[in-house]
Every structure is written in structure tokens, then in C-alpha cells.
Amino acid sequence: MKDKRIEIRQRKRENVQRSTQLLIDQDIDFTVHNLGIHLIITCNKGIIDFWPSTGRWIHRNGKDYTPGGRGVLKLLSFIEE
């Protein structure tokens, strides 16, 4: 059980590193919060909250939140639309 937890934590750390690097490589403007666990992306579609450890993202639509999705590649596709 302990080994599984360690494996999950390691995978999440790797997700944060890879996803953040992809955003940097694509010149996406973002700010880092909570030591990189939460990224706030500013783009032509508005503001997007992104959690790279899980891949979850939500588009802020004014005061409301529009369901986003999961995965940095889907996020990049959404931004480029």
C-alpha cells in the first residue's frame, strides 16, 4: 500500500514537470500558485485554472466556470481553437 502511494506521488510530480514544460514550450502565459500545483493561464479565451498534477482544467467564463476537461494536450487544443 505504501509503495502505491509513493508511486502515485512520483507520477503526479512528473505530470507537473511535463505539463508545465509543455506550456512553456508553447509560449502560453501563466502564473504559478501553490508551488506549481495550480497554474492560472491567461489566453485569448480568458482565464483557465489548471492543475497539472491531475491534468484537470476549468475555463473561467466571467463569474461562472465552464466545464473544462483533463489533459494538457486537450487544454492546448482548447486554447488554440
N, C-alpha and C. Protein backbone atom coordinates (compact mmCIF):
# COMPACT_ATOMS: atom_id res chain seq x y z
N MET A 1 0.83 -1.20 0.00
CA MET A 1 0.00 0.00 0.00
C MET A 1 0.87 1.26 0.00
N LYS A 2 1.93 1.24 0.83
CA LYS A 2 2.81 2.39 0.91
C LYS A 2 3.54 2.62 -0.41
N ASP A 3 3.94 1.52 -1.06
CA ASP A 3 4.62 1.62 -2.36
C ASP A 3 3.71 2.26 -3.40
N LYS A 4 2.43 1.94 -3.37
CA LYS A 4 1.46 2.51 -4.31
C LYS A 4 1.35 4.02 -4.13
N ARG A 5 1.31 4.47 -2.87
CA ARG A 5 1.23 5.91 -2.59
C ARG A 5 2.47 6.63 -3.10
N ILE A 6 3.62 6.03 -2.88
CA ILE A 6 4.86 6.63 -3.35
C ILE A 6 4.85 6.73 -4.87
N GLU A 7 4.38 5.69 -5.53
CA GLU A 7 4.29 5.67 -6.99
C GLU A 7 3.35 6.76 -7.51
N ILE A 8 2.21 6.94 -6.86
CA ILE A 8 1.25 7.97 -7.26
C ILE A 8 1.84 9.36 -7.09
N ARG A 9 2.50 9.59 -5.98
CA ARG A 9 3.12 10.90 -5.74
C ARG A 9 4.18 11.20 -6.79
N GLN A 10 4.97 10.21 -7.12
CA GLN A 10 6.02 10.39 -8.13
C GLN A 10 5.40 10.70 -9.49
N ARG A 11 4.34 9.98 -9.85
CA ARG A 11 3.68 10.22 -11.13
C ARG A 11 3.11 11.64 -11.19
N LYS A 12 2.53 12.10 -10.09
CA LYS A 12 1.98 13.46 -10.07
C LYS A 12 3.08 14.51 -10.20
N ARG A 13 4.23 14.29 -9.56
CA ARG A 13 5.36 15.22 -9.70
C ARG A 13 5.83 15.27 -11.15
N GLU A 14 5.90 14.12 -11.78
CA GLU A 14 6.30 14.07 -13.18
C GLU A 14 5.29 14.78 -14.08
N ASN A 15 3.99 14.60 -13.78
CA ASN A 15 2.94 15.29 -14.54
C ASN A 15 3.11 16.80 -14.45
N VAL A 16 3.40 17.30 -13.24
CA VAL A 16 3.59 18.74 -13.06
C VAL A 16 4.76 19.21 -13.91
N GLN A 17 5.86 18.51 -13.88
CA GLN A 17 7.04 18.92 -14.65
C GLN A 17 6.78 18.90 -16.15
N ARG A 18 6.22 17.81 -16.64
CA ARG A 18 5.97 17.68 -18.09
C ARG A 18 4.95 18.70 -18.59
N SER A 19 3.84 18.83 -17.87
CA SER A 19 2.77 19.73 -18.31
C SER A 19 3.24 21.18 -18.28
N THR A 20 3.95 21.56 -17.23
CA THR A 20 4.45 22.93 -17.13
C THR A 20 5.44 23.20 -18.25
N GLN A 21 6.30 22.25 -18.55
CA GLN A 21 7.27 22.44 -19.63
C GLN A 21 6.57 22.55 -20.98
N LEU A 22 5.52 21.79 -21.21
CA LEU A 22 4.75 21.91 -22.47
C LEU A 22 4.16 23.31 -22.62
N LEU A 23 3.63 23.85 -21.54
CA LEU A 23 3.08 25.21 -21.60
C LEU A 23 4.17 26.23 -21.90
N ILE A 24 5.33 26.06 -21.28
CA ILE A 24 6.45 26.96 -21.54
C ILE A 24 6.89 26.85 -23.00
N ASP A 25 7.00 25.63 -23.50
CA ASP A 25 7.42 25.41 -24.88
C ASP A 25 6.45 26.02 -25.89
N GLN A 26 5.17 26.07 -25.55
CA GLN A 26 4.15 26.63 -26.44
C GLN A 26 3.94 28.13 -26.22
N ASP A 27 4.77 28.75 -25.37
CA ASP A 27 4.69 30.19 -25.05
C ASP A 27 3.32 30.58 -24.50
N ILE A 28 2.75 29.74 -23.66
CA ILE A 28 1.48 30.03 -23.01
C ILE A 28 1.77 30.84 -21.75
N ASP A 29 1.05 31.95 -21.58
CA ASP A 29 1.23 32.84 -20.44
C ASP A 29 0.49 32.27 -19.23
N PHE A 30 1.20 32.05 -18.13
CA PHE A 30 0.56 31.53 -16.93
C PHE A 30 1.29 32.00 -15.69
N THR A 31 0.59 31.96 -14.56
CA THR A 31 1.20 32.24 -13.27
C THR A 31 1.13 30.99 -12.42
N VAL A 32 2.14 30.83 -11.57
CA VAL A 32 2.27 29.64 -10.74
C VAL A 32 1.76 29.93 -9.34
N HIS A 33 0.95 29.02 -8.83
CA HIS A 33 0.43 29.12 -7.47
C HIS A 33 0.63 27.79 -6.75
N ASN A 34 0.70 27.84 -5.44
CA ASN A 34 0.85 26.63 -4.61
C ASN A 34 2.01 25.75 -5.07
N LEU A 35 3.15 26.39 -5.28
CA LEU A 35 4.37 25.67 -5.66
C LEU A 35 4.22 24.87 -6.95
N GLY A 36 3.42 25.36 -7.87
CA GLY A 36 3.27 24.72 -9.18
C GLY A 36 2.12 23.75 -9.27
N ILE A 37 1.40 23.55 -8.18
CA ILE A 37 0.27 22.63 -8.20
C ILE A 37 -0.93 23.24 -8.94
N HIS A 38 -1.05 24.57 -8.91
CA HIS A 38 -2.16 25.27 -9.57
C HIS A 38 -1.55 26.33 -10.48
N LEU A 39 -1.91 26.28 -11.76
CA LEU A 39 -1.47 27.28 -12.72
C LEU A 39 -2.69 28.04 -13.21
N ILE A 40 -2.54 29.34 -13.34
CA ILE A 40 -3.61 30.17 -13.90
C ILE A 40 -3.12 30.68 -15.24
N ILE A 41 -3.82 30.28 -16.27
CA ILE A 41 -3.44 30.59 -17.65
C ILE A 41 -4.29 31.74 -18.16
N THR A 42 -3.63 32.72 -18.77
CA THR A 42 -4.32 33.83 -19.39
C THR A 42 -4.13 33.70 -20.89
N CYS A 43 -5.25 33.62 -21.62
CA CYS A 43 -5.16 33.48 -23.07
C CYS A 43 -6.29 34.27 -23.72
N ASN A 44 -6.39 34.17 -25.04
CA ASN A 44 -7.42 34.92 -25.77
C ASN A 44 -8.84 34.48 -25.40
N LYS A 45 -9.00 33.31 -24.81
CA LYS A 45 -10.33 32.83 -24.40
C LYS A 45 -10.68 33.21 -22.97
N GLY A 46 -9.75 33.85 -22.28
CA GLY A 46 -10.00 34.25 -20.90
C GLY A 46 -9.01 33.59 -19.96
N ILE A 47 -9.50 33.26 -18.78
CA ILE A 47 -8.66 32.68 -17.73
C ILE A 47 -9.02 31.20 -17.55
N ILE A 48 -7.99 30.39 -17.43
CA ILE A 48 -8.18 28.96 -17.25
C ILE A 48 -7.39 28.53 -16.02
N ASP A 49 -8.05 27.82 -15.12
CA ASP A 49 -7.39 27.21 -13.97
C ASP A 49 -6.94 25.82 -14.37
N PHE A 50 -5.68 25.50 -14.09
CA PHE A 50 -5.11 24.22 -14.49
C PHE A 50 -4.33 23.61 -13.35
N TRP A 51 -4.59 22.34 -13.07
CA TRP A 51 -3.88 21.59 -12.05
C TRP A 51 -3.08 20.51 -12.77
N PRO A 52 -1.79 20.76 -13.03
CA PRO A 52 -1.00 19.84 -13.85
C PRO A 52 -0.77 18.47 -13.22
N SER A 53 -0.87 18.34 -11.92
CA SER A 53 -0.64 17.04 -11.31
C SER A 53 -1.71 16.03 -11.70
N THR A 54 -2.94 16.52 -11.91
CA THR A 54 -4.04 15.65 -12.30
C THR A 54 -4.47 15.87 -13.75
N GLY A 55 -4.05 17.01 -14.33
CA GLY A 55 -4.45 17.34 -15.69
C GLY A 55 -5.79 18.04 -15.77
N ARG A 56 -6.43 18.28 -14.66
CA ARG A 56 -7.76 18.90 -14.64
C ARG A 56 -7.65 20.38 -14.96
N TRP A 57 -8.56 20.88 -15.80
CA TRP A 57 -8.62 22.31 -16.09
C TRP A 57 -10.05 22.78 -16.22
N ILE A 58 -10.27 24.04 -15.83
CA ILE A 58 -11.60 24.65 -15.86
C ILE A 58 -11.45 26.06 -16.45
N HIS A 59 -12.31 26.39 -17.39
CA HIS A 59 -12.32 27.70 -18.02
C HIS A 59 -13.20 28.64 -17.21
N ARG A 60 -12.63 29.77 -16.81
CA ARG A 60 -13.42 30.79 -16.13
C ARG A 60 -14.14 31.61 -17.19
N ASN A 61 -15.44 31.65 -17.09
CA ASN A 61 -16.26 32.37 -18.06
C ASN A 61 -16.96 33.50 -17.30
N GLY A 62 -16.29 34.64 -17.18
CA GLY A 62 -16.85 35.71 -16.37
C GLY A 62 -16.83 35.29 -14.91
N LYS A 63 -18.00 35.25 -14.30
CA LYS A 63 -18.09 34.84 -12.90
C LYS A 63 -18.34 33.34 -12.78
N ASP A 64 -18.72 32.72 -13.88
CA ASP A 64 -19.03 31.29 -13.87
C ASP A 64 -17.83 30.49 -14.33
N TYR A 65 -17.90 29.20 -14.09
CA TYR A 65 -16.89 28.27 -14.56
C TYR A 65 -17.52 27.36 -15.59
N THR A 66 -16.87 27.24 -16.73
CA THR A 66 -17.32 26.34 -17.78
C THR A 66 -16.56 25.03 -17.61
N PRO A 67 -17.25 23.93 -17.66
CA PRO A 67 -16.52 22.66 -17.54
C PRO A 67 -15.39 22.60 -18.55
N GLY A 68 -14.27 22.14 -18.09
CA GLY A 68 -13.11 22.03 -18.95
C GLY A 68 -12.89 20.61 -19.36
N GLY A 69 -11.86 20.05 -18.84
CA GLY A 69 -11.54 18.68 -19.19
C GLY A 69 -10.32 18.22 -18.45
N ARG A 70 -9.70 17.22 -19.00
CA ARG A 70 -8.48 16.67 -18.41
C ARG A 70 -7.43 16.52 -19.50
N GLY A 71 -6.21 16.80 -19.11
CA GLY A 71 -5.08 16.60 -20.01
C GLY A 71 -4.55 17.89 -20.59
N VAL A 72 -3.24 18.01 -20.55
CA VAL A 72 -2.61 19.22 -21.06
C VAL A 72 -2.76 19.32 -22.57
N LEU A 73 -2.80 18.21 -23.28
CA LEU A 73 -2.96 18.28 -24.74
C LEU A 73 -4.35 18.78 -25.12
N LYS A 74 -5.38 18.36 -24.39
CA LYS A 74 -6.73 18.87 -24.64
C LYS A 74 -6.80 20.35 -24.28
N LEU A 75 -6.09 20.75 -23.24
CA LEU A 75 -6.04 22.16 -22.85
C LEU A 75 -5.40 22.98 -23.96
N LEU A 76 -4.27 22.53 -24.48
CA LEU A 76 -3.61 23.24 -25.56
C LEU A 76 -4.50 23.33 -26.80
N SER A 77 -5.21 22.27 -27.09
CA SER A 77 -6.14 22.27 -28.22
C SER A 77 -7.25 23.30 -28.01
N PHE A 78 -7.78 23.38 -26.80
CA PHE A 78 -8.84 24.34 -26.46
C PHE A 78 -8.33 25.77 -26.62
N ILE A 79 -7.12 26.02 -26.17
CA ILE A 79 -6.54 27.37 -26.26
C ILE A 79 -6.33 27.77 -27.71
N GLU A 80 -5.92 26.84 -28.55
CA GLU A 80 -5.60 27.15 -29.94
C GLU A 80 -6.83 27.26 -30.84
N GLU A 81 -8.00 26.82 -30.37
CA GLU A 81 -9.22 26.88 -31.21
C GLU A 81 -9.54 28.30 -31.59
